[in-house]
Amino acid sequence: MVEEINLKPTINKHSTRLNQILEGSQQALSKEEQILDSSYYDWKNNDISKEQYQRIRGESESKLQQLRATLRMIANEQQKMANGIEANNTYFERFIKYQEIEELDRLMVIDLINRIEISEDKSVHIEFNFQNQYLLIMDFIEQNEPAMKKTLENKN
């Protein structure tokens, strides 16, 4: 499907999901900056103590750092999306290699899974390799699916 999309003269290389995450992150960044600024004024006006200001400042700076990292990651993902998706990338090769498998073996786990975490409450969290690529490819297909449906309908 990705190869067929790439053959089309017009390809939508924007991700609604990434745009929504970007917008939310930008709003959160702006809000956190306002909190930091207003806490400074509150401290200077003696509305809060120096210790309260320092605590708020530390928490806000930590959140701002995380939000800036998120914004950089989103920009990176958007750049990848803008460059288009190629069907001959490592993710596709591994996906095709394992698509008909009925049970896992050690090599597949090493190839497909980055980390497995088991919490004290026995819940399991699996971090897959290529997790971001999968989401990026799904966004690419989703954004271009209407064009693909029209092409398939015209062929029939």
Protein backbone atom coordinates (compact mmCIF):
# COMPACT_ATOMS: atom_id res chain seq x y z
CA MET A 1 0.00 0.00 0.00
CA VAL A 2 2.85 2.40 0.84
CA GLU A 3 4.47 1.70 -2.55
CA GLU A 4 1.18 2.43 -4.32
CA ILE A 5 0.73 5.67 -2.35
CA ASN A 6 4.25 6.76 -3.26
CA LEU A 7 3.46 6.26 -6.98
CA LYS A 8 0.60 8.77 -6.81
CA PRO A 9 1.24 12.28 -8.15
CA THR A 10 -0.08 13.94 -4.97
CA ILE A 11 0.77 12.56 -1.58
CA ASN A 12 -0.39 13.98 1.75
CA LYS A 13 2.74 14.11 3.88
CA HIS A 14 1.14 15.65 6.97
CA SER A 15 0.03 13.81 10.08
CA THR A 16 -3.12 14.87 11.89
CA ARG A 17 -1.94 12.94 14.97
CA LEU A 18 1.41 14.72 15.02
CA ASN A 19 -0.24 18.10 14.44
CA GLN A 20 -2.58 17.50 17.39
CA ILE A 21 0.28 16.44 19.65
CA LEU A 22 2.31 19.45 18.51
CA GLU A 23 -0.55 21.86 19.21
CA GLY A 24 -1.19 20.34 22.65
CA SER A 25 2.50 20.43 23.53
CA GLN A 26 2.83 24.05 22.42
CA GLN A 27 -0.17 25.02 24.54
CA ALA A 28 1.25 23.14 27.54
CA LEU A 29 4.63 24.85 27.02
CA SER A 30 2.99 28.29 26.90
CA LYS A 31 0.93 27.53 30.01
CA GLU A 32 3.97 26.31 31.93
CA GLU A 33 5.94 29.41 30.95
CA GLN A 34 3.07 31.57 32.23
CA ILE A 35 3.04 29.65 35.51
CA LEU A 36 6.76 30.19 35.90
CA ASP A 37 6.48 33.90 35.10
CA SER A 38 3.50 34.48 37.40
CA SER A 39 5.17 32.62 40.27
CA TYR A 40 8.11 35.02 40.01
CA TYR A 41 5.77 38.01 40.27
CA ASP A 42 3.92 36.34 43.17
CA TRP A 43 7.22 35.92 44.99
CA LYS A 44 8.30 39.52 44.31
CA ASN A 45 4.91 40.76 45.57
CA ASN A 46 5.34 38.63 48.72
CA ASP A 47 2.29 36.53 47.81
CA ILE A 48 4.35 33.33 48.11
CA SER A 49 7.53 32.47 50.00
CA LYS A 50 10.93 32.07 48.41
CA GLU A 51 10.77 28.32 49.11
CA GLN A 52 7.40 28.05 47.32
CA TYR A 53 8.79 30.00 44.39
CA GLN A 54 11.88 27.78 44.18
CA ARG A 55 9.72 24.63 44.30
CA ILE A 56 7.40 25.97 41.56
CA ARG A 57 10.40 27.09 39.52
CA GLY A 58 12.07 23.66 39.78
CA GLU A 59 8.89 21.82 38.79
CA SER A 60 8.19 24.24 35.93
CA GLU A 61 11.72 24.07 34.55
CA SER A 62 11.56 20.27 34.60
CA LYS A 63 8.22 20.29 32.75
CA LEU A 64 9.52 22.87 30.27
CA GLN A 65 12.55 20.71 29.54
CA GLN A 66 10.31 17.68 28.89
CA LEU A 67 7.96 19.69 26.69
CA ARG A 68 10.85 21.08 24.63
CA ALA A 69 12.16 17.53 24.14
CA THR A 70 8.68 16.46 23.02
CA LEU A 71 8.52 19.36 20.56
CA ARG A 72 11.92 18.38 19.12
CA MET A 73 10.75 14.77 18.74
CA ILE A 74 7.55 15.87 17.00
CA ALA A 75 9.50 18.12 14.64
CA ASN A 76 11.75 15.16 13.83
CA GLU A 77 8.73 12.92 13.16
CA GLN A 78 7.12 15.59 10.97
CA GLN A 79 10.35 15.87 8.98
CA LYS A 80 10.36 12.10 8.44
CA MET A 81 6.73 12.28 7.33
CA ALA A 82 7.51 15.18 4.97
CA ASN A 83 10.29 13.10 3.39
CA GLY A 84 7.77 10.35 2.68
CA ILE A 85 7.73 6.69 3.62
CA GLU A 86 9.77 4.20 1.68
CA ALA A 87 8.69 0.58 1.45
CA ASN A 88 12.29 -0.69 1.58
CA ASN A 89 13.13 0.44 5.11
CA THR A 90 14.26 -1.80 7.95
CA TYR A 91 10.88 -1.75 9.65
CA PHE A 92 9.08 -3.06 6.55
CA GLU A 93 11.68 -5.75 6.00
CA ARG A 94 11.22 -7.08 9.53
CA PHE A 95 7.44 -6.69 9.42
CA ILE A 96 7.22 -8.73 6.21
CA LYS A 97 9.69 -11.29 7.56
CA TYR A 98 7.47 -12.01 10.59
CA GLN A 99 3.95 -11.43 9.23
CA GLU A 100 3.00 -15.12 8.95
CA ILE A 101 4.55 -16.28 12.24
CA GLU A 102 2.35 -18.20 14.67
CA GLU A 103 4.64 -18.27 17.71
CA LEU A 104 7.54 -16.19 19.00
CA ASP A 105 11.10 -17.39 19.18
CA ARG A 106 14.19 -15.79 20.70
CA LEU A 107 15.36 -14.14 17.45
CA MET A 108 11.98 -12.49 16.87
CA VAL A 109 11.91 -11.12 20.41
CA ILE A 110 15.41 -9.66 19.97
CA ASP A 111 14.47 -8.24 16.57
CA LEU A 112 11.10 -6.75 17.50
CA ILE A 113 11.18 -5.88 21.21
CA ASN A 114 13.37 -3.24 22.79
CA ARG A 115 12.37 -3.72 26.43
CA ILE A 116 9.87 -5.61 28.60
CA GLU A 117 8.98 -4.20 32.01
CA ILE A 118 7.08 -6.15 34.65
CA SER A 119 5.75 -4.02 37.50
CA GLU A 120 5.30 -5.06 41.10
CA ASP A 121 1.56 -5.30 40.42
CA LYS A 122 2.41 -7.87 37.69
CA SER A 123 1.40 -5.56 34.83
CA VAL A 124 3.53 -5.87 31.71
CA HIS A 125 4.71 -3.02 29.48
CA ILE A 126 6.39 -3.91 26.18
CA GLU A 127 8.43 -1.32 24.31
CA PHE A 128 8.72 -2.38 20.69
CA ASN A 129 11.50 -1.53 18.30
CA PHE A 130 10.20 0.63 15.46
CA GLN A 131 7.20 1.78 17.53
CA ASN A 132 7.49 5.34 16.19
CA GLN A 133 7.99 4.11 12.63
CA TYR A 134 4.80 2.06 12.90
CA LEU A 135 2.80 5.10 14.01
CA LEU A 136 4.41 7.21 11.31
CA ILE A 137 3.54 4.67 8.61
CA MET A 138 -0.02 4.31 9.90
CA ASP A 139 -0.41 8.11 9.82
CA PHE A 140 0.97 8.17 6.27
CA ILE A 141 -1.48 5.49 5.14
CA GLU A 142 -4.39 7.10 7.00
CA GLN A 143 -3.73 10.52 5.45
CA ASN A 144 -3.50 9.02 1.96
CA GLU A 145 -6.14 6.30 2.27
CA PRO A 146 -8.97 8.30 0.61
CA ALA A 147 -6.76 8.76 -2.45
CA MET A 148 -5.97 5.04 -2.39
CA LYS A 149 -9.65 4.13 -2.20
CA LYS A 150 -10.40 6.32 -5.23
CA THR A 151 -7.55 4.67 -7.15
CA LEU A 152 -8.75 1.19 -6.25
CA GLU A 153 -12.33 2.08 -7.20
CA ASN A 154 -11.17 3.44 -10.56
CA LYS A 155 -9.28 0.20 -11.25
CA ASN A 156 -12.44 -1.83 -10.64
